[in-house]
């Protein structure tokens, strides 16, 4: 990653990074990324599925915008946080690191440059836009090293609701998964 300056690091979370960061931050603010949207568009072969029984996880796909959370990491922790995120997010290279402007939604309309993980549409794990029933089938079958795929979707929707973020497709999916698996506390 060459586009980051030394100093504090902003990281944009839009899925499990909102609720399972795995790194220390000194600030956390609602934020909006322009130019990419949240989509259940990545076959999970590791964290929430296997190559034989893939799950389905979120990616930042091109176009639109995405509300999430921006985390501020102190400069002294920036390198270790970056190493952690690269190990977590770049395991199969379906995501690519990018630094993008993100608007902090705290009333001041401040823009910061934040590290984001965008989906690589040319990667074999890119699922694209699947029908909701196909998404439901994949999520129900997925279990990987980070746990059951339904838990991932349900927790993400729960945290999105706490932030006032609504997504019809994820809400639809979550209500059907609730019947299969209760949400994690």
Protein backbone atom coordinates (compact mmCIF):
# COMPACT_ATOMS: atom_id res chain seq x y z
CA UNK A 1 0.00 0.00 0.00
CA UNK A 2 1.77 3.12 -1.16
CA UNK A 3 -1.01 5.72 -1.04
CA UNK A 4 -0.97 6.10 2.75
CA UNK A 5 1.06 8.76 4.48
CA UNK A 6 2.81 8.17 7.77
CA UNK A 7 0.57 9.28 10.60
CA UNK A 8 -2.91 8.47 11.80
CA UNK A 9 -4.90 6.04 9.65
CA UNK A 10 -8.62 6.14 8.84
CA UNK A 11 -10.24 2.79 8.01
CA UNK A 12 -13.72 2.50 6.46
CA UNK A 13 -15.89 -0.38 7.70
CA UNK A 14 -19.12 -1.38 5.95
CA UNK A 15 -19.64 -5.04 6.98
CA UNK A 16 -18.09 -7.06 9.77
CA UNK A 17 -15.45 -4.36 10.30
CA UNK A 18 -18.26 -2.30 11.86
CA UNK A 19 -18.75 -4.84 14.67
CA UNK A 20 -15.61 -7.02 14.69
CA UNK A 21 -12.78 -4.61 14.00
CA UNK A 22 -9.90 -6.56 15.50
CA UNK A 23 -7.80 -3.42 15.95
CA UNK A 24 -7.68 -0.47 18.35
CA UNK A 25 -9.04 2.90 17.29
CA UNK A 26 -9.10 6.26 19.03
CA UNK A 27 -12.22 7.50 17.25
CA UNK A 28 -15.21 5.96 15.48
CA UNK A 29 -17.65 7.99 13.39
CA UNK A 30 -20.52 7.32 11.00
CA UNK A 31 -19.21 7.87 7.49
CA UNK A 32 -20.14 7.73 3.82
CA UNK A 33 -18.05 6.48 0.92
CA UNK A 34 -18.96 7.78 -2.55
CA UNK A 35 -18.32 5.68 -5.64
CA UNK A 36 -18.93 2.20 -4.19
CA UNK A 37 -21.88 0.44 -2.60
CA UNK A 38 -22.29 -2.43 -0.13
CA UNK A 39 -23.21 -5.67 -1.90
CA UNK A 40 -23.45 -9.32 -0.92
CA UNK A 41 -21.31 -10.16 -3.93
CA UNK A 42 -18.32 -12.23 -2.75
CA UNK A 43 -18.23 -16.02 -2.50
CA UNK A 44 -16.57 -16.76 0.84
CA UNK A 45 -14.09 -19.65 0.65
CA UNK A 46 -12.46 -19.01 4.01
CA UNK A 47 -14.10 -16.84 6.68
CA UNK A 48 -17.77 -17.81 6.11
CA UNK A 49 -17.57 -20.81 3.78
CA UNK A 50 -15.24 -23.19 1.95
CA UNK A 51 -14.43 -23.68 -1.73
CA UNK A 52 -16.68 -26.76 -1.69
CA UNK A 53 -19.53 -25.00 0.16
CA UNK A 54 -19.05 -21.26 -0.29
CA UNK A 55 -20.82 -18.70 1.79
CA UNK A 56 -21.52 -15.15 0.68
CA UNK A 57 -20.05 -11.98 2.19
CA UNK A 58 -20.16 -8.28 1.53
CA UNK A 59 -17.95 -6.34 -0.80
CA UNK A 60 -17.69 -2.72 -1.83
CA UNK A 61 -18.73 -2.86 -5.48
CA UNK A 62 -18.37 0.05 -7.89
CA UNK A 63 -21.02 2.73 -8.20
CA UNK A 64 -23.33 4.46 -5.76
CA UNK A 65 -22.44 5.15 -2.15
CA UNK A 66 -22.15 3.31 1.13
CA UNK A 67 -22.77 4.39 4.71
CA UNK A 68 -20.63 2.73 7.34
CA UNK A 69 -18.15 3.59 10.06
CA UNK A 70 -14.76 5.32 9.83
CA UNK A 71 -12.24 4.30 12.47
CA UNK A 72 -9.25 6.47 13.35
CA UNK A 73 -6.12 4.51 14.22
CA UNK A 74 -3.28 6.28 15.99
CA UNK A 75 -0.06 6.62 13.98
CA UNK A 76 1.85 4.35 16.37
CA UNK A 77 -0.63 1.52 15.61
CA UNK A 78 -1.09 2.21 11.89
CA UNK A 79 1.47 -0.31 10.58
CA UNK A 80 0.30 -3.17 12.80
CA UNK A 81 -3.34 -2.37 11.95
CA UNK A 82 -2.53 -2.36 8.23
CA UNK A 83 -0.73 -5.70 8.57
CA UNK A 84 -3.72 -7.16 10.45
CA UNK A 85 -6.19 -5.90 7.85
CA UNK A 86 -4.11 -7.21 4.96
CA UNK A 87 -3.96 -10.65 6.57
CA UNK A 88 -7.72 -10.58 7.21
CA UNK A 89 -9.02 -8.97 4.01
CA UNK A 90 -6.48 -10.01 1.37
CA UNK A 91 -6.38 -13.72 2.17
CA UNK A 92 -7.59 -14.71 -1.33
CA UNK A 93 -7.05 -11.35 -3.08
CA UNK A 94 -10.79 -10.90 -3.86
CA UNK A 95 -10.48 -7.43 -2.33
CA UNK A 96 -8.03 -4.73 -3.29
CA UNK A 97 -6.79 -2.02 -1.01
CA UNK A 98 -7.61 1.55 -1.93
CA UNK A 99 -7.52 4.91 -0.23
CA UNK A 100 -10.67 6.90 -0.93
CA UNK A 101 -12.24 10.11 0.35
CA UNK A 102 -14.86 9.41 2.99
CA UNK A 103 -17.26 11.97 4.44
CA UNK A 104 -17.63 11.87 8.22
CA UNK A 105 -21.33 12.13 9.05
CA UNK A 106 -20.91 14.02 12.31
CA UNK A 107 -22.47 17.31 11.19
CA UNK A 108 -19.21 18.95 10.12
CA UNK A 109 -19.08 17.33 6.65
CA UNK A 110 -15.34 16.73 7.07
CA UNK A 111 -13.69 14.57 4.43
CA UNK A 112 -10.83 12.23 5.28
CA UNK A 113 -8.81 9.78 3.24
CA UNK A 114 -9.66 6.28 4.44
CA UNK A 115 -8.39 2.81 3.71
CA UNK A 116 -11.10 0.74 2.00
CA UNK A 117 -11.28 -2.78 0.65
CA UNK A 118 -12.98 -2.83 -2.76
CA UNK A 119 -14.09 -6.02 -4.51
CA UNK A 120 -12.10 -7.12 -7.55
CA UNK A 121 -14.72 -7.91 -10.20
CA UNK A 122 -12.24 -10.02 -12.19
CA UNK A 123 -11.62 -12.41 -9.26
CA UNK A 124 -13.15 -15.91 -9.36
CA UNK A 125 -14.87 -15.24 -6.00
CA UNK A 126 -16.80 -12.26 -7.35
CA UNK A 127 -20.44 -13.39 -7.40
CA UNK A 128 -21.94 -10.24 -8.86
CA UNK A 129 -25.61 -9.48 -8.32
CA UNK A 130 -27.34 -12.73 -7.36
CA UNK A 131 -31.08 -13.28 -6.94
CA UNK A 132 -32.21 -13.10 -3.30
CA UNK A 133 -33.13 -16.81 -3.22
CA UNK A 134 -29.63 -17.72 -4.45
CA UNK A 135 -28.12 -15.48 -1.75
CA UNK A 136 -30.28 -17.17 0.89
CA UNK A 137 -29.11 -20.64 -0.19
CA UNK A 138 -25.43 -19.67 -0.14
CA UNK A 139 -25.63 -17.89 3.22
CA UNK A 140 -27.50 -20.79 4.84
CA UNK A 141 -24.84 -23.29 3.76
CA UNK A 142 -21.76 -21.22 4.61
CA UNK A 143 -19.57 -22.05 7.59
CA UNK A 144 -15.92 -21.03 7.71
CA UNK A 145 -13.07 -20.25 10.06
CA UNK A 146 -14.86 -17.11 11.34
CA UNK A 147 -18.15 -18.93 11.93
CA UNK A 148 -21.55 -19.45 10.39
CA UNK A 149 -22.49 -17.26 7.44
CA UNK A 150 -26.03 -16.54 8.74
CA UNK A 151 -24.51 -15.07 11.92
CA UNK A 152 -22.38 -12.71 9.80
CA UNK A 153 -25.38 -11.38 7.88
CA UNK A 154 -27.61 -11.08 10.96
CA UNK A 155 -24.93 -9.25 12.99
CA UNK A 156 -24.15 -6.91 10.12
CA UNK A 157 -27.83 -6.01 9.69
CA UNK A 158 -28.19 -5.50 13.44
CA UNK A 159 -25.28 -3.06 13.49
CA UNK A 160 -26.54 -1.30 10.37
CA UNK A 161 -29.90 -0.77 12.10
CA UNK A 162 -28.11 0.74 15.12
CA UNK A 163 -26.53 3.26 12.74
CA UNK A 164 -29.86 3.96 11.02
CA UNK A 165 -28.74 2.23 7.81
CA UNK A 166 -31.41 0.29 5.93
CA UNK A 167 -30.81 -2.14 3.08
CA UNK A 168 -33.92 -3.88 1.74
CA UNK A 169 -32.12 -6.93 0.36
CA UNK A 170 -30.08 -7.55 3.52
CA UNK A 171 -33.19 -6.97 5.67
CA UNK A 172 -35.12 -9.52 3.57
CA UNK A 173 -32.32 -12.02 3.92
CA UNK A 174 -31.89 -11.41 7.64
CA UNK A 175 -35.56 -12.04 8.41
CA UNK A 176 -35.42 -15.39 6.66
CA UNK A 177 -32.17 -16.35 8.38
CA UNK A 178 -33.68 -15.42 11.77
CA UNK A 179 -35.96 -18.45 11.37
CA UNK A 180 -32.98 -20.70 10.80
CA UNK A 181 -30.55 -19.28 13.35
CA UNK A 182 -31.18 -16.82 16.19
CA UNK A 183 -29.06 -13.66 16.10
CA UNK A 184 -25.86 -13.69 18.18
CA UNK A 185 -25.85 -11.50 21.27
